[in-house]
C-alpha atoms as a PDB file:
ATOM      1  CA  UNK A   1     200.175 185.711 116.559  1.00  0.00           C
ATOM      2  CA  UNK A   2     198.153 187.710 119.254  1.00  0.00           C
ATOM      3  CA  UNK A   3     196.546 185.909 122.487  1.00  0.00           C
ATOM      4  CA  UNK A   4     194.352 189.125 122.747  1.00  0.00           C
ATOM      5  CA  UNK A   5     190.736 187.240 122.542  1.00  0.00           C
ATOM      6  CA  UNK A   6     189.146 188.280 118.898  1.00  0.00           C
ATOM      7  CA  UNK A   7     186.049 189.123 118.618  1.00  0.00           C
ATOM      8  CA  UNK A   8     183.252 189.232 115.519  1.00  0.00           C
ATOM      9  CA  UNK A   9     180.200 190.518 115.337  1.00  0.00           C
ATOM     10  CA  UNK A  10     177.344 190.103 113.261  1.00  0.00           C
ATOM     11  CA  UNK A  11     174.571 192.328 111.987  1.00  0.00           C
ATOM     12  CA  UNK A  12     171.406 190.764 111.738  1.00  0.00           C
ATOM     13  CA  UNK A  13     170.276 193.625 109.605  1.00  0.00           C
ATOM     14  CA  UNK A  14     171.165 193.671 105.694  1.00  0.00           C
ATOM     15  CA  UNK A  15     170.214 197.690 105.760  1.00  0.00           C
ATOM     16  CA  UNK A  16     172.884 200.225 103.785  1.00  0.00           C
ATOM     17  CA  UNK A  17     172.328 202.376 106.798  1.00  0.00           C
ATOM     18  CA  UNK A  18     171.825 200.435 109.531  1.00  0.00           C
ATOM     19  CA  UNK A  19     171.603 201.030 113.110  1.00  0.00           C
ATOM     20  CA  UNK A  20     172.368 197.292 113.870  1.00  0.00           C
ATOM     21  CA  UNK A  21     175.836 197.816 111.905  1.00  0.00           C
ATOM     22  CA  UNK A  22     176.242 201.153 113.734  1.00  0.00           C
ATOM     23  CA  UNK A  23     175.693 199.767 117.207  1.00  0.00           C
ATOM     24  CA  UNK A  24     177.910 196.803 116.951  1.00  0.00           C
ATOM     25  CA  UNK A  25     180.811 198.857 115.286  1.00  0.00           C
ATOM     26  CA  UNK A  26     180.994 200.460 118.056  1.00  0.00           C
ATOM     27  CA  UNK A  27     180.812 197.552 120.920  1.00  0.00           C
ATOM     28  CA  UNK A  28     183.905 196.395 119.075  1.00  0.00           C
ATOM     29  CA  UNK A  29     185.372 199.537 119.587  1.00  0.00           C
ATOM     30  CA  UNK A  30     184.884 198.999 123.349  1.00  0.00           C
ATOM     31  CA  UNK A  31     186.763 195.112 122.064  1.00  0.00           C
ATOM     32  CA  UNK A  32     189.510 196.776 121.403  1.00  0.00           C
ATOM     33  CA  UNK A  33     189.681 199.310 124.490  1.00  0.00           C
ATOM     34  CA  UNK A  34     189.699 196.055 126.567  1.00  0.00           C
ATOM     35  CA  UNK A  35     192.957 194.882 124.622  1.00  0.00           C
ATOM     36  CA  UNK A  36     190.738 192.575 121.908  1.00  0.00           C
ATOM     37  CA  UNK A  37     190.498 192.127 118.418  1.00  0.00           C
ATOM     38  CA  UNK A  38     187.530 192.661 116.630  1.00  0.00           C
ATOM     39  CA  UNK A  39     185.702 192.229 112.804  1.00  0.00           C
ATOM     40  CA  UNK A  40     182.402 192.650 111.299  1.00  0.00           C
ATOM     41  CA  UNK A  41     180.847 189.602 110.002  1.00  0.00           C
ATOM     42  CA  UNK A  42     178.641 191.552 107.554  1.00  0.00           C
ATOM     43  CA  UNK A  43     176.253 188.961 105.881  1.00  0.00           C
ATOM     44  CA  UNK A  44     175.550 191.081 102.958  1.00  0.00           C
ATOM     45  CA  UNK A  45     178.992 189.763 101.921  1.00  0.00           C
ATOM     46  CA  UNK A  46     177.940 186.003 102.509  1.00  0.00           C
ATOM     47  CA  UNK A  47     175.680 183.887 100.215  1.00  0.00           C
ATOM     48  CA  UNK A  48     174.165 182.441 102.716  1.00  0.00           C
ATOM     49  CA  UNK A  49     170.570 180.846 101.171  1.00  0.00           C
ATOM     50  CA  UNK A  50     167.909 179.718 103.321  1.00  0.00           C
ATOM     51  CA  UNK A  51     169.129 177.013 105.245  1.00  0.00           C
ATOM     52  CA  UNK A  52     167.623 173.177 103.901  1.00  0.00           C
ATOM     53  CA  UNK A  53     168.787 170.262 106.204  1.00  0.00           C
ATOM     54  CA  UNK A  54     168.786 168.042 103.340  1.00  0.00           C
ATOM     55  CA  UNK A  55     171.515 170.362 101.393  1.00  0.00           C
ATOM     56  CA  UNK A  56     173.681 170.615 104.926  1.00  0.00           C
ATOM     57  CA  UNK A  57     175.958 173.516 103.643  1.00  0.00           C
ATOM     58  CA  UNK A  58     175.318 175.577 100.638  1.00  0.00           C
ATOM     59  CA  UNK A  59     176.990 178.981  99.442  1.00  0.00           C
ATOM     60  CA  UNK A  60     179.522 180.603 101.559  1.00  0.00           C
ATOM     61  CA  UNK A  61     178.436 178.775 104.615  1.00  0.00           C
ATOM     62  CA  UNK A  62     181.931 176.935 105.681  1.00  0.00           C
ATOM     63  CA  UNK A  63     183.501 180.668 105.509  1.00  0.00           C
ATOM     64  CA  UNK A  64     181.026 181.628 107.471  1.00  0.00           C
ATOM     65  CA  UNK A  65     180.846 179.162 110.387  1.00  0.00           C
ATOM     66  CA  UNK A  66     184.558 178.837 110.382  1.00  0.00           C
ATOM     67  CA  UNK A  67     185.082 182.312 111.496  1.00  0.00           C
ATOM     68  CA  UNK A  68     181.979 181.863 114.064  1.00  0.00           C
ATOM     69  CA  UNK A  69     184.343 178.918 115.227  1.00  0.00           C
ATOM     70  CA  UNK A  70     187.744 180.582 115.273  1.00  0.00           C
ATOM     71  CA  UNK A  71     186.385 184.090 117.364  1.00  0.00           C
ATOM     72  CA  UNK A  72     186.763 183.760 121.255  1.00  0.00           C
ATOM     73  CA  UNK A  73     183.586 185.528 121.457  1.00  0.00           C
ATOM     74  CA  UNK A  74     180.402 186.207 119.277  1.00  0.00           C
ATOM     75  CA  UNK A  75     178.356 188.934 119.579  1.00  0.00           C
ATOM     76  CA  UNK A  76     175.052 189.247 117.636  1.00  0.00           C
ATOM     77  CA  UNK A  77     173.373 192.148 116.701  1.00  0.00           C
ATOM     78  CA  UNK A  78     169.564 192.337 115.103  1.00  0.00           C
ATOM     79  CA  UNK A  79     166.631 194.876 114.446  1.00  0.00           C
ATOM     80  CA  UNK A  80     163.637 193.343 115.491  1.00  0.00           C
ATOM     81  CA  UNK A  81     161.023 192.642 113.439  1.00  0.00           C
ATOM     82  CA  UNK A  82     157.784 191.827 114.695  1.00  0.00           C
ATOM     83  CA  UNK A  83     159.027 191.386 117.800  1.00  0.00           C
ATOM     84  CA  UNK A  84     161.719 189.089 117.520  1.00  0.00           C
ATOM     85  CA  UNK A  85     164.831 188.934 115.542  1.00  0.00           C
ATOM     86  CA  UNK A  86     165.298 189.182 111.819  1.00  0.00           C
ATOM     87  CA  UNK A  87     165.527 186.010 109.435  1.00  0.00           C
ATOM     88  CA  UNK A  88     169.498 186.474 107.996  1.00  0.00           C
ATOM     89  CA  UNK A  89     170.570 186.535 111.022  1.00  0.00           C
ATOM     90  CA  UNK A  90     168.398 183.525 111.723  1.00  0.00           C
ATOM     91  CA  UNK A  91     169.330 182.033 108.757  1.00  0.00           C
ATOM     92  CA  UNK A  92     173.515 182.429 109.298  1.00  0.00           C
ATOM     93  CA  UNK A  93     172.542 180.880 113.309  1.00  0.00           C
ATOM     94  CA  UNK A  94     170.429 177.817 111.354  1.00  0.00           C
ATOM     95  CA  UNK A  95     174.338 177.223 109.360  1.00  0.00           C
ATOM     96  CA  UNK A  96     175.375 176.899 113.014  1.00  0.00           C
ATOM     97  CA  UNK A  97     175.608 174.286 115.576  1.00  0.00           C
ATOM     98  CA  UNK A  98     177.420 173.009 118.944  1.00  0.00           C
ATOM     99  CA  UNK A  99     180.377 173.370 117.285  1.00  0.00           C
ATOM    100  CA  UNK A 100     180.410 177.047 116.632  1.00  0.00           C
ATOM    101  CA  UNK A 101     178.396 177.535 119.637  1.00  0.00           C
ATOM    102  CA  UNK A 102     178.930 175.621 122.335  1.00  0.00           C
ATOM    103  CA  UNK A 103     181.206 177.375 125.367  1.00  0.00           C
ATOM    104  CA  UNK A 104     181.752 180.035 122.842  1.00  0.00           C
ATOM    105  CA  UNK A 105     180.793 183.732 125.021  1.00  0.00           C
ATOM    106  CA  UNK A 106     178.249 185.435 123.039  1.00  0.00           C
ATOM    107  CA  UNK A 107     177.328 189.002 123.409  1.00  0.00           C
ATOM    108  CA  UNK A 108     173.889 190.961 121.925  1.00  0.00           C
ATOM    109  CA  UNK A 109     172.376 193.532 120.955  1.00  0.00           C
ATOM    110  CA  UNK A 110     168.704 194.589 119.261  1.00  0.00           C
ATOM    111  CA  UNK A 111     167.608 197.840 117.906  1.00  0.00           C
ATOM    112  CA  UNK A 112     164.051 198.469 117.134  1.00  0.00           C
ATOM    113  CA  UNK A 113     162.000 202.017 115.487  1.00  0.00           C
ATOM    114  CA  UNK A 114     160.178 201.838 118.746  1.00  0.00           C
ATOM    115  CA  UNK A 115     160.133 200.693 122.312  1.00  0.00           C
ATOM    116  CA  UNK A 116     162.546 198.222 123.377  1.00  0.00           C
ATOM    117  CA  UNK A 117     163.225 195.347 121.485  1.00  0.00           C
ATOM    118  CA  UNK A 118     163.144 193.373 124.633  1.00  0.00           C
ATOM    119  CA  UNK A 119     161.815 190.369 122.697  1.00  0.00           C
ATOM    120  CA  UNK A 120     164.290 190.317 120.386  1.00  0.00           C
ATOM    121  CA  UNK A 121     166.724 189.741 122.730  1.00  0.00           C
ATOM    122  CA  UNK A 122     165.126 187.360 124.919  1.00  0.00           C
ATOM    123  CA  UNK A 123     164.745 185.276 121.467  1.00  0.00           C
ATOM    124  CA  UNK A 124     168.373 185.230 120.607  1.00  0.00           C
ATOM    125  CA  UNK A 125     169.281 184.664 124.397  1.00  0.00           C
ATOM    126  CA  UNK A 126     166.763 181.632 124.668  1.00  0.00           C
ATOM    127  CA  UNK A 127     168.688 180.042 121.033  1.00  0.00           C
ATOM    128  CA  UNK A 128     172.052 180.841 122.474  1.00  0.00           C
ATOM    129  CA  UNK A 129     171.518 179.008 125.165  1.00  0.00           C
ATOM    130  CA  UNK A 130     170.137 176.447 123.541  1.00  0.00           C
ATOM    131  CA  UNK A 131     173.003 175.988 121.777  1.00  0.00           C
ATOM    132  CA  UNK A 132     175.564 175.852 124.837  1.00  0.00           C
ATOM    133  CA  UNK A 133     176.725 179.026 124.617  1.00  0.00           C
ATOM    134  CA  UNK A 134     177.215 181.439 127.236  1.00  0.00           C
ATOM    135  CA  UNK A 135     175.601 184.370 126.914  1.00  0.00           C
ATOM    136  CA  UNK A 136     176.914 187.661 128.847  1.00  0.00           C
ATOM    137  CA  UNK A 137     174.439 188.927 131.479  1.00  0.00           C
ATOM    138  CA  UNK A 138     175.258 192.494 130.157  1.00  0.00           C
ATOM    139  CA  UNK A 139     172.932 193.287 126.906  1.00  0.00           C
ATOM    140  CA  UNK A 140     172.229 196.067 124.871  1.00  0.00           C
ATOM    141  CA  UNK A 141     169.014 197.452 123.797  1.00  0.00           C
ATOM    142  CA  UNK A 142     168.824 200.640 121.098  1.00  0.00           C
ATOM    143  CA  UNK A 143     164.914 201.839 121.243  1.00  0.00           C
ATOM    144  CA  UNK A 144     163.877 204.554 118.903  1.00  0.00           C
ATOM    145  CA  UNK A 145     166.540 203.645 116.793  1.00  0.00           C
ATOM    146  CA  UNK A 146     167.011 206.549 113.747  1.00  0.00           C
ATOM    147  CA  UNK A 147     167.267 209.014 116.832  1.00  0.00           C
ATOM    148  CA  UNK A 148     170.160 207.286 118.923  1.00  0.00           C
ATOM    149  CA  UNK A 149     172.537 208.313 115.759  1.00  0.00           C
ATOM    150  CA  UNK A 150     174.344 211.255 114.657  1.00  0.00           C
ATOM    151  CA  UNK A 151     176.042 210.091 111.668  1.00  0.00           C
ATOM    152  CA  UNK A 152     177.749 206.434 113.516  1.00  0.00           C
ATOM    153  CA  UNK A 153     177.626 208.214 116.813  1.00  0.00           C
ATOM    154  CA  UNK A 154     175.256 207.852 119.493  1.00  0.00           C
ATOM    155  CA  UNK A 155     173.401 210.953 120.635  1.00  0.00           C
ATOM    156  CA  UNK A 156     172.626 209.154 124.128  1.00  0.00           C
ATOM    157  CA  UNK A 157     176.102 208.695 126.643  1.00  0.00           C
ATOM    158  CA  UNK A 158     174.539 206.403 128.415  1.00  0.00           C
ATOM    159  CA  UNK A 159     173.482 204.037 125.693  1.00  0.00           C
ATOM    160  CA  UNK A 160     177.098 204.586 123.948  1.00  0.00           C
ATOM    161  CA  UNK A 161     178.352 203.485 127.428  1.00  0.00           C
ATOM    162  CA  UNK A 162     176.408 200.141 127.518  1.00  0.00           C
ATOM    163  CA  UNK A 163     177.601 199.576 124.004  1.00  0.00           C
ATOM    164  CA  UNK A 164     180.990 199.943 125.058  1.00  0.00           C
ATOM    165  CA  UNK A 165     180.494 198.103 127.898  1.00  0.00           C
ATOM    166  CA  UNK A 166     178.619 194.929 125.858  1.00  0.00           C
ATOM    167  CA  UNK A 167     182.002 195.006 123.677  1.00  0.00           C
ATOM    168  CA  UNK A 168     184.326 195.213 126.895  1.00  0.00           C
ATOM    169  CA  UNK A 169     182.917 192.374 128.606  1.00  0.00           C
ATOM    170  CA  UNK A 170     182.915 189.898 125.274  1.00  0.00           C
ATOM    171  CA  UNK A 171     186.916 190.689 125.986  1.00  0.00           C
ATOM    172  CA  UNK A 172     186.810 190.088 129.925  1.00  0.00           C
ATOM    173  CA  UNK A 173     184.355 186.774 129.702  1.00  0.00           C
ATOM    174  CA  UNK A 174     186.026 185.423 125.988  1.00  0.00           C
ATOM    175  CA  UNK A 175     187.843 182.498 128.262  1.00  0.00           C
ATOM    176  CA  UNK A 176     185.496 182.242 131.250  1.00  0.00           C
ATOM    177  CA  UNK A 177     184.510 178.543 132.197  1.00  0.00           C
ATOM    178  CA  UNK A 178     181.752 177.406 130.546  1.00  0.00           C
ATOM    179  CA  UNK A 179     178.452 176.459 132.005  1.00  0.00           C
ATOM    180  CA  UNK A 180     177.152 173.126 132.464  1.00  0.00           C
ATOM    181  CA  UNK A 181     174.980 172.121 129.178  1.00  0.00           C
ATOM    182  CA  UNK A 182     171.882 173.057 129.423  1.00  0.00           C
ATOM    183  CA  UNK A 183     168.299 171.120 129.280  1.00  0.00           C
ATOM    184  CA  UNK A 184     167.770 173.221 126.173  1.00  0.00           C
ATOM    185  CA  UNK A 185     170.468 172.400 124.630  1.00  0.00           C
ATOM    186  CA  UNK A 186     170.502 168.309 125.638  1.00  0.00           C
ATOM    187  CA  UNK A 187     167.074 168.840 123.607  1.00  0.00           C
ATOM    188  CA  UNK A 188     167.954 170.274 120.463  1.00  0.00           C
ATOM    189  CA  UNK A 189     168.198 167.316 117.791  1.00  0.00           C
ATOM    190  CA  UNK A 190     168.114 170.128 115.212  1.00  0.00           C
ATOM    191  CA  UNK A 191     171.517 171.360 115.431  1.00  0.00           C
ATOM    192  CA  UNK A 192     173.265 167.814 114.987  1.00  0.00           C
END
């Protein structure tokens, strides 16, 4: 049994040639460089129907939430859709709650076909704080994603470094003392 922090990365894109998935795989390289272990939780491999609070757990939700709970840190990645994060990622997070995210270290990565996906990152940060997660201050924004990769490699050295750093921070801060619960978390009755 290893004492190395275990990091799971969740790409919110279902595309076969996902830039989000590429970015998170590179962040997982940073996890391994920092001495942690990492794995990609590909949402294409989970049956996660639209969340229905009356049904609670459905499809593969139990298996998915268990993997999040067992992780020491979580990396969330998303393409920017209409100024926010993707619906597959929203659905996955909807099945989670305080059991999965409270006091969890979470890192964020977002990609955009156009300019910077800042609002997607802001929205994810707000959701994670409402679940009392500790969100890594360092985040990765990948603008003009179609131009940023040559195969699975970044063409921009600085962006590659930022992405590796996100993975390293997920290991570095996996056991950080959590912040007190947020005001948003105290008001978050929907997650109960």
